[in-house]
């Protein structure tokens, strides 16, 4: 049975069940051009997150090293 039918049976108003789509531009506003430094910073952060996700259960030495380095980077107390 579709979700809408279940909600109607439960007495939920149809106006509460309608999904509205919000575009990122409506939520975040116009996109500003990012500086090369900021784009690099985002790319490095994205790569570190990928290493944590992809290699968290790794058995190979190279993959374990990538996971360990990314984890230490995130947990480091240094700010520079």
PDB file of N, CA and C in Angstrom:
ATOM      1  N   UNK A   1       0.853  -1.177   0.000  1.00  0.00           N
ATOM      2  CA  UNK A   1       0.000   0.000   0.000  1.00  0.00           C
ATOM      3  C   UNK A   1       0.895   1.235   0.000  1.00  0.00           C
ATOM      4  N   UNK A   2       0.638   2.210  -0.863  1.00  0.00           N
ATOM      5  CA  UNK A   2       1.457   3.413  -0.921  1.00  0.00           C
ATOM      6  C   UNK A   2       1.424   4.189   0.395  1.00  0.00           C
ATOM      7  N   UNK A   3       2.453   4.952   0.625  1.00  0.00           N
ATOM      8  CA  UNK A   3       2.563   5.738   1.849  1.00  0.00           C
ATOM      9  C   UNK A   3       1.393   6.707   1.976  1.00  0.00           C
ATOM     10  N   UNK A   4       1.000   7.327   0.854  1.00  0.00           N
ATOM     11  CA  UNK A   4      -0.096   8.297   0.900  1.00  0.00           C
ATOM     12  C   UNK A   4      -1.385   7.646   1.417  1.00  0.00           C
ATOM     13  N   UNK A   5      -1.654   6.411   0.965  1.00  0.00           N
ATOM     14  CA  UNK A   5      -2.865   5.717   1.405  1.00  0.00           C
ATOM     15  C   UNK A   5      -2.795   5.422   2.899  1.00  0.00           C
ATOM     16  N   UNK A   6      -1.639   5.012   3.377  1.00  0.00           N
ATOM     17  CA  UNK A   6      -1.481   4.745   4.810  1.00  0.00           C
ATOM     18  C   UNK A   6      -1.699   6.007   5.634  1.00  0.00           C
ATOM     19  N   UNK A   7      -1.178   7.127   5.140  1.00  0.00           N
ATOM     20  CA  UNK A   7      -1.354   8.375   5.870  1.00  0.00           C
ATOM     21  C   UNK A   7      -2.806   8.821   5.880  1.00  0.00           C
ATOM     22  N   UNK A   8      -3.514   8.612   4.754  1.00  0.00           N
ATOM     23  CA  UNK A   8      -4.946   8.956   4.717  1.00  0.00           C
ATOM     24  C   UNK A   8      -5.720   8.096   5.703  1.00  0.00           C
ATOM     25  N   UNK A   9      -5.398   6.790   5.763  1.00  0.00           N
ATOM     26  CA  UNK A   9      -6.070   5.908   6.715  1.00  0.00           C
ATOM     27  C   UNK A   9      -5.798   6.327   8.158  1.00  0.00           C
ATOM     28  N   UNK A  10      -4.617   6.898   8.394  1.00  0.00           N
ATOM     29  CA  UNK A  10      -4.261   7.339   9.740  1.00  0.00           C
ATOM     30  C   UNK A  10      -4.867   8.698  10.072  1.00  0.00           C
ATOM     31  N   UNK A  11      -5.555   9.310   9.096  1.00  0.00           N
ATOM     32  CA  UNK A  11      -6.213  10.584   9.343  1.00  0.00           C
ATOM     33  C   UNK A  11      -5.312  11.789   9.178  1.00  0.00           C
ATOM     34  N   UNK A  12      -4.189  11.618   8.495  1.00  0.00           N
ATOM     35  CA  UNK A  12      -3.269  12.738   8.276  1.00  0.00           C
ATOM     36  C   UNK A  12      -3.774  13.536   7.084  1.00  0.00           C
ATOM     37  N   UNK A  13      -3.837  14.853   7.234  1.00  0.00           N
ATOM     38  CA  UNK A  13      -4.319  15.729   6.180  1.00  0.00           C
ATOM     39  C   UNK A  13      -3.436  15.606   4.943  1.00  0.00           C
ATOM     40  N   UNK A  14      -4.065  15.627   3.763  1.00  0.00           N
ATOM     41  CA  UNK A  14      -3.307  15.506   2.513  1.00  0.00           C
ATOM     42  C   UNK A  14      -2.382  16.696   2.304  1.00  0.00           C
ATOM     43  N   UNK A  15      -2.710  17.837   2.895  1.00  0.00           N
ATOM     44  CA  UNK A  15      -1.834  19.004   2.743  1.00  0.00           C
ATOM     45  C   UNK A  15      -0.518  18.804   3.490  1.00  0.00           C
ATOM     46  N   UNK A  16      -0.516  17.936   4.489  1.00  0.00           N
ATOM     47  CA  UNK A  16       0.707  17.665   5.237  1.00  0.00           C
ATOM     48  C   UNK A  16       1.562  16.591   4.573  1.00  0.00           C
ATOM     49  N   UNK A  17       1.005  15.871   3.643  1.00  0.00           N
ATOM     50  CA  UNK A  17       1.737  14.776   3.017  1.00  0.00           C
ATOM     51  C   UNK A  17       2.353  15.160   1.685  1.00  0.00           C
ATOM     52  N   UNK A  18       2.023  16.333   1.170  1.00  0.00           N
ATOM     53  CA  UNK A  18       2.562  16.765  -0.117  1.00  0.00           C
ATOM     54  C   UNK A  18       4.023  17.154   0.055  1.00  0.00           C
ATOM     55  N   UNK A  19       4.881  16.614  -0.806  1.00  0.00           N
ATOM     56  CA  UNK A  19       6.302  16.935  -0.754  1.00  0.00           C
ATOM     57  C   UNK A  19       6.585  18.154  -1.612  1.00  0.00           C
ATOM     58  N   UNK A  20       7.284  19.101  -1.062  1.00  0.00           N
ATOM     59  CA  UNK A  20       7.725  20.272  -1.815  1.00  0.00           C
ATOM     60  C   UNK A  20       9.214  20.113  -2.085  1.00  0.00           C
ATOM     61  N   UNK A  21       9.596  20.377  -3.301  1.00  0.00           N
ATOM     62  CA  UNK A  21      10.990  20.277  -3.675  1.00  0.00           C
ATOM     63  C   UNK A  21      11.631  21.647  -3.546  1.00  0.00           C
ATOM     64  N   UNK A  22      12.742  21.686  -2.818  1.00  0.00           N
ATOM     65  CA  UNK A  22      13.486  22.927  -2.647  1.00  0.00           C
ATOM     66  C   UNK A  22      14.814  22.757  -3.359  1.00  0.00           C
ATOM     67  N   UNK A  23      15.104  23.659  -4.256  1.00  0.00           N
ATOM     68  CA  UNK A  23      16.366  23.624  -4.982  1.00  0.00           C
ATOM     69  C   UNK A  23      17.484  24.184  -4.107  1.00  0.00           C
ATOM     70  N   UNK A  24      18.721  23.695  -4.291  1.00  0.00           N
ATOM     71  CA  UNK A  24      19.830  24.238  -3.507  1.00  0.00           C
ATOM     72  C   UNK A  24      19.951  25.748  -3.628  1.00  0.00           C
ATOM     73  N   UNK A  25      19.668  26.291  -4.826  1.00  0.00           N
ATOM     74  CA  UNK A  25      19.778  27.743  -5.009  1.00  0.00           C
ATOM     75  C   UNK A  25      18.733  28.487  -4.181  1.00  0.00           C
ATOM     76  N   UNK A  26      17.590  27.844  -3.907  1.00  0.00           N
ATOM     77  CA  UNK A  26      16.565  28.483  -3.084  1.00  0.00           C
ATOM     78  C   UNK A  26      16.974  28.469  -1.612  1.00  0.00           C
ATOM     79  N   UNK A  27      17.689  27.445  -1.208  1.00  0.00           N
ATOM     80  CA  UNK A  27      18.072  27.310   0.193  1.00  0.00           C
ATOM     81  C   UNK A  27      19.345  28.093   0.503  1.00  0.00           C
ATOM     82  N   UNK A  28      20.341  27.992  -0.363  1.00  0.00           N
ATOM     83  CA  UNK A  28      21.637  28.580  -0.092  1.00  0.00           C
ATOM     84  C   UNK A  28      21.850  29.943  -0.743  1.00  0.00           C
ATOM     85  N   UNK A  29      20.981  30.334  -1.631  1.00  0.00           N
ATOM     86  CA  UNK A  29      21.163  31.600  -2.325  1.00  0.00           C
ATOM     87  C   UNK A  29      22.106  31.434  -3.504  1.00  0.00           C
ATOM     88  N   UNK A  30      22.457  32.535  -4.165  1.00  0.00           N
ATOM     89  CA  UNK A  30      23.322  32.428  -5.336  1.00  0.00           C
ATOM     90  C   UNK A  30      24.712  31.933  -4.936  1.00  0.00           C
ATOM     91  N   UNK A  31      25.279  31.137  -5.797  1.00  0.00           N
ATOM     92  CA  UNK A  31      26.583  30.555  -5.529  1.00  0.00           C
ATOM     93  C   UNK A  31      27.674  31.573  -5.836  1.00  0.00           C
ATOM     94  N   UNK A  32      28.549  31.764  -4.869  1.00  0.00           N
ATOM     95  CA  UNK A  32      29.665  32.680  -5.063  1.00  0.00           C
ATOM     96  C   UNK A  32      30.849  31.932  -5.647  1.00  0.00           C
ATOM     97  N   UNK A  33      31.610  32.614  -6.455  1.00  0.00           N
ATOM     98  CA  UNK A  33      32.806  32.006  -7.012  1.00  0.00           C
ATOM     99  C   UNK A  33      33.804  31.801  -5.881  1.00  0.00           C
ATOM    100  N   UNK A  34      34.318  30.583  -5.779  1.00  0.00           N
ATOM    101  CA  UNK A  34      35.259  30.266  -4.715  1.00  0.00           C
ATOM    102  C   UNK A  34      36.684  30.502  -5.190  1.00  0.00           C
ATOM    103  N   UNK A  35      37.496  30.929  -4.263  1.00  0.00           N
ATOM    104  CA  UNK A  35      38.901  31.156  -4.580  1.00  0.00           C
ATOM    105  C   UNK A  35      39.581  29.805  -4.806  1.00  0.00           C
ATOM    106  N   UNK A  36      40.699  29.814  -5.537  1.00  0.00           N
ATOM    107  CA  UNK A  36      41.430  28.561  -5.742  1.00  0.00           C
ATOM    108  C   UNK A  36      41.859  27.918  -4.419  1.00  0.00           C
ATOM    109  N   UNK A  37      42.233  28.730  -3.445  1.00  0.00           N
ATOM    110  CA  UNK A  37      42.648  28.193  -2.151  1.00  0.00           C
ATOM    111  C   UNK A  37      41.502  27.473  -1.459  1.00  0.00           C
ATOM    112  N   UNK A  38      40.323  28.061  -1.535  1.00  0.00           N
ATOM    113  CA  UNK A  38      39.145  27.432  -0.902  1.00  0.00           C
ATOM    114  C   UNK A  38      38.771  26.142  -1.618  1.00  0.00           C
ATOM    115  N   UNK A  39      38.840  26.145  -2.953  1.00  0.00           N
ATOM    116  CA  UNK A  39      38.551  24.920  -3.700  1.00  0.00           C
ATOM    117  C   UNK A  39      39.543  23.822  -3.347  1.00  0.00           C
ATOM    118  N   UNK A  40      40.824  24.182  -3.171  1.00  0.00           N
ATOM    119  CA  UNK A  40      41.836  23.208  -2.779  1.00  0.00           C
ATOM    120  C   UNK A  40      41.551  22.671  -1.381  1.00  0.00           C
ATOM    121  N   UNK A  41      41.186  23.558  -0.467  1.00  0.00           N
ATOM    122  CA  UNK A  41      40.873  23.143   0.899  1.00  0.00           C
ATOM    123  C   UNK A  41      39.704  22.152   0.908  1.00  0.00           C
ATOM    124  N   UNK A  42      38.682  22.427   0.130  1.00  0.00           N
ATOM    125  CA  UNK A  42      37.522  21.539   0.050  1.00  0.00           C
ATOM    126  C   UNK A  42      37.915  20.206  -0.567  1.00  0.00           C
ATOM    127  N   UNK A  43      38.778  20.229  -1.588  1.00  0.00           N
ATOM    128  CA  UNK A  43      39.219  18.992  -2.232  1.00  0.00           C
ATOM    129  C   UNK A  43      40.025  18.123  -1.265  1.00  0.00           C
ATOM    130  N   UNK A  44      40.900  18.741  -0.468  1.00  0.00           N
ATOM    131  CA  UNK A  44      41.700  17.991   0.503  1.00  0.00           C
ATOM    132  C   UNK A  44      40.788  17.374   1.562  1.00  0.00           C
ATOM    133  N   UNK A  45      39.829  18.131   2.055  1.00  0.00           N
ATOM    134  CA  UNK A  45      38.884  17.620   3.041  1.00  0.00           C
ATOM    135  C   UNK A  45      38.062  16.472   2.458  1.00  0.00           C
ATOM    136  N   UNK A  46      37.601  16.631   1.238  1.00  0.00           N
ATOM    137  CA  UNK A  46      36.820  15.593   0.574  1.00  0.00           C
ATOM    138  C   UNK A  46      37.644  14.320   0.409  1.00  0.00           C
ATOM    139  N   UNK A  47      38.914  14.459   0.031  1.00  0.00           N
ATOM    140  CA  UNK A  47      39.793  13.304  -0.131  1.00  0.00           C
ATOM    141  C   UNK A  47      40.009  12.588   1.202  1.00  0.00           C
ATOM    142  N   UNK A  48      40.207  13.343   2.270  1.00  0.00           N
ATOM    143  CA  UNK A  48      40.402  12.733   3.587  1.00  0.00           C
ATOM    144  C   UNK A  48      39.142  11.981   4.026  1.00  0.00           C
ATOM    145  N   UNK A  49      37.987  12.556   3.797  1.00  0.00           N
ATOM    146  CA  UNK A  49      36.735  11.864   4.135  1.00  0.00           C
ATOM    147  C   UNK A  49      36.572  10.589   3.312  1.00  0.00           C
ATOM    148  N   UNK A  50      36.937  10.647   2.037  1.00  0.00           N
ATOM    149  CA  UNK A  50      36.885   9.452   1.191  1.00  0.00           C
ATOM    150  C   UNK A  50      37.809   8.366   1.718  1.00  0.00           C
ATOM    151  N   UNK A  51      39.016   8.746   2.140  1.00  0.00           N
ATOM    152  CA  UNK A  51      39.961   7.766   2.692  1.00  0.00           C
ATOM    153  C   UNK A  51      39.388   7.102   3.943  1.00  0.00           C
ATOM    154  N   UNK A  52      38.768   7.882   4.803  1.00  0.00           N
ATOM    155  CA  UNK A  52      38.172   7.310   6.011  1.00  0.00           C
ATOM    156  C   UNK A  52      37.056   6.330   5.662  1.00  0.00           C
ATOM    157  N   UNK A  53      36.228   6.712   4.714  1.00  0.00           N
ATOM    158  CA  UNK A  53      35.092   5.873   4.347  1.00  0.00           C
ATOM    159  C   UNK A  53      35.530   4.611   3.603  1.00  0.00           C
ATOM    160  N   UNK A  54      36.393   4.763   2.612  1.00  0.00           N
ATOM    161  CA  UNK A  54      36.769   3.643   1.757  1.00  0.00           C
ATOM    162  C   UNK A  54      37.670   2.626   2.450  1.00  0.00           C
ATOM    163  N   UNK A  55      38.514   3.096   3.365  1.00  0.00           N
ATOM    164  CA  UNK A  55      39.547   2.224   3.905  1.00  0.00           C
ATOM    165  C   UNK A  55      39.358   1.875   5.378  1.00  0.00           C
ATOM    166  N   UNK A  56      38.192   2.115   5.935  1.00  0.00           N
ATOM    167  CA  UNK A  56      38.012   1.858   7.372  1.00  0.00           C
ATOM    168  C   UNK A  56      38.070   0.384   7.727  1.00  0.00           C
ATOM    169  N   UNK A  57      37.734  -0.497   6.815  1.00  0.00           N
ATOM    170  CA  UNK A  57      37.778  -1.944   7.073  1.00  0.00           C
ATOM    171  C   UNK A  57      38.849  -2.615   6.216  1.00  0.00           C
ATOM    172  N   UNK A  58      39.849  -1.872   5.844  1.00  0.00           N
ATOM    173  CA  UNK A  58      40.866  -2.372   4.915  1.00  0.00           C
ATOM    174  C   UNK A  58      41.745  -3.431   5.565  1.00  0.00           C
ATOM    175  N   UNK A  59      42.224  -4.326   4.728  1.00  0.00           N
ATOM    176  CA  UNK A  59      43.154  -5.349   5.200  1.00  0.00           C
ATOM    177  C   UNK A  59      44.543  -5.166   4.593  1.00  0.00           C
ATOM    178  N   UNK A  60      44.639  -4.478   3.481  1.00  0.00           N
ATOM    179  CA  UNK A  60      45.929  -4.233   2.838  1.00  0.00           C
ATOM    180  C   UNK A  60      46.711  -3.138   3.545  1.00  0.00           C
ATOM    181  N   UNK A  61      48.039  -3.234   3.484  1.00  0.00           N
ATOM    182  CA  UNK A  61      48.875  -2.271   4.208  1.00  0.00           C
ATOM    183  C   UNK A  61      48.727  -0.855   3.659  1.00  0.00           C
ATOM    184  N   UNK A  62      48.647  -0.699   2.341  1.00  0.00           N
ATOM    185  CA  UNK A  62      48.491   0.636   1.739  1.00  0.00           C
ATOM    186  C   UNK A  62      47.169   1.272   2.159  1.00  0.00           C
ATOM    187  N   UNK A  63      46.087   0.503   2.112  1.00  0.00           N
ATOM    188  CA  UNK A  63      44.773   1.024   2.494  1.00  0.00           C
ATOM    189  C   UNK A  63      44.726   1.354   3.979  1.00  0.00           C
ATOM    190  N   UNK A  64      45.316   0.507   4.814  1.00  0.00           N
ATOM    191  CA  UNK A  64      45.345   0.779   6.257  1.00  0.00           C
ATOM    192  C   UNK A  64      46.138   2.054   6.542  1.00  0.00           C
ATOM    193  N   UNK A  65      47.239   2.265   5.792  1.00  0.00           N
ATOM    194  CA  UNK A  65      48.048   3.463   5.968  1.00  0.00           C
ATOM    195  C   UNK A  65      47.250   4.713   5.594  1.00  0.00           C
ATOM    196  N   UNK A  66      46.516   4.666   4.484  1.00  0.00           N
ATOM    197  CA  UNK A  66      45.697   5.806   4.073  1.00  0.00           C
ATOM    198  C   UNK A  66      44.645   6.131   5.132  1.00  0.00           C
ATOM    199  N   UNK A  67      44.005   5.097   5.671  1.00  0.00           N
ATOM    200  CA  UNK A  67      43.000   5.304   6.715  1.00  0.00           C
ATOM    201  C   UNK A  67      43.652   5.919   7.954  1.00  0.00           C
ATOM    202  N   UNK A  68      44.776   5.363   8.388  1.00  0.00           N
ATOM    203  CA  UNK A  68      45.462   5.843   9.587  1.00  0.00           C
ATOM    204  C   UNK A  68      45.904   7.298   9.430  1.00  0.00           C
ATOM    205  N   UNK A  69      46.456   7.656   8.270  1.00  0.00           N
ATOM    206  CA  UNK A  69      46.901   9.032   8.046  1.00  0.00           C
ATOM    207  C   UNK A  69      45.719  10.017   8.049  1.00  0.00           C
ATOM    208  N   UNK A  70      44.630   9.632   7.420  1.00  0.00           N
ATOM    209  CA  UNK A  70      43.448  10.507   7.399  1.00  0.00           C
ATOM    210  C   UNK A  70      42.872  10.657   8.805  1.00  0.00           C
ATOM    211  N   UNK A  71      42.823   9.566   9.547  1.00  0.00           N
ATOM    212  CA  UNK A  71      42.295   9.614  10.916  1.00  0.00           C
ATOM    213  C   UNK A  71      43.166  10.512  11.792  1.00  0.00           C
ATOM    214  N   UNK A  72      44.476  10.364  11.708  1.00  0.00           N
ATOM    215  CA  UNK A  72      45.377  11.215  12.501  1.00  0.00           C
ATOM    216  C   UNK A  72      45.246  12.673  12.107  1.00  0.00           C
ATOM    217  N   UNK A  73      45.035  12.932  10.817  1.00  0.00           N
ATOM    218  CA  UNK A  73      44.877  14.301  10.346  1.00  0.00           C
ATOM    219  C   UNK A  73      43.631  14.943  10.961  1.00  0.00           C
ATOM    220  N   UNK A  74      42.521  14.194  10.974  1.00  0.00           N
ATOM    221  CA  UNK A  74      41.282  14.718  11.549  1.00  0.00           C
ATOM    222  C   UNK A  74      41.389  14.917  13.048  1.00  0.00           C
ATOM    223  N   UNK A  75      42.107  14.027  13.731  1.00  0.00           N
ATOM    224  CA  UNK A  75      42.191  14.088  15.197  1.00  0.00           C
ATOM    225  C   UNK A  75      43.330  14.955  15.703  1.00  0.00           C
ATOM    226  N   UNK A  76      44.122  15.519  14.827  1.00  0.00           N
ATOM    227  CA  UNK A  76      45.271  16.326  15.224  1.00  0.00           C
ATOM    228  C   UNK A  76      44.832  17.583  15.974  1.00  0.00           C
ATOM    229  N   UNK A  77      45.614  17.942  16.974  1.00  0.00           N
ATOM    230  CA  UNK A  77      45.348  19.168  17.735  1.00  0.00           C
ATOM    231  C   UNK A  77      45.896  20.396  17.028  1.00  0.00           C
ATOM    232  N   UNK A  78      46.819  20.200  16.095  1.00  0.00           N
ATOM    233  CA  UNK A  78      47.413  21.319  15.384  1.00  0.00           C
ATOM    234  C   UNK A  78      46.376  22.009  14.504  1.00  0.00           C
ATOM    235  N   UNK A  79      46.485  23.314  14.387  1.00  0.00           N
ATOM    236  CA  UNK A  79      45.540  24.050  13.536  1.00  0.00           C
ATOM    237  C   UNK A  79      46.198  24.573  12.283  1.00  0.00           C
ATOM    238  N   UNK A  80      47.477  24.367  12.118  1.00  0.00           N
ATOM    239  CA  UNK A  80      48.187  24.857  10.934  1.00  0.00           C
ATOM    240  C   UNK A  80      48.541  23.709  10.012  1.00  0.00           C
TER     241      UNK A  80
END
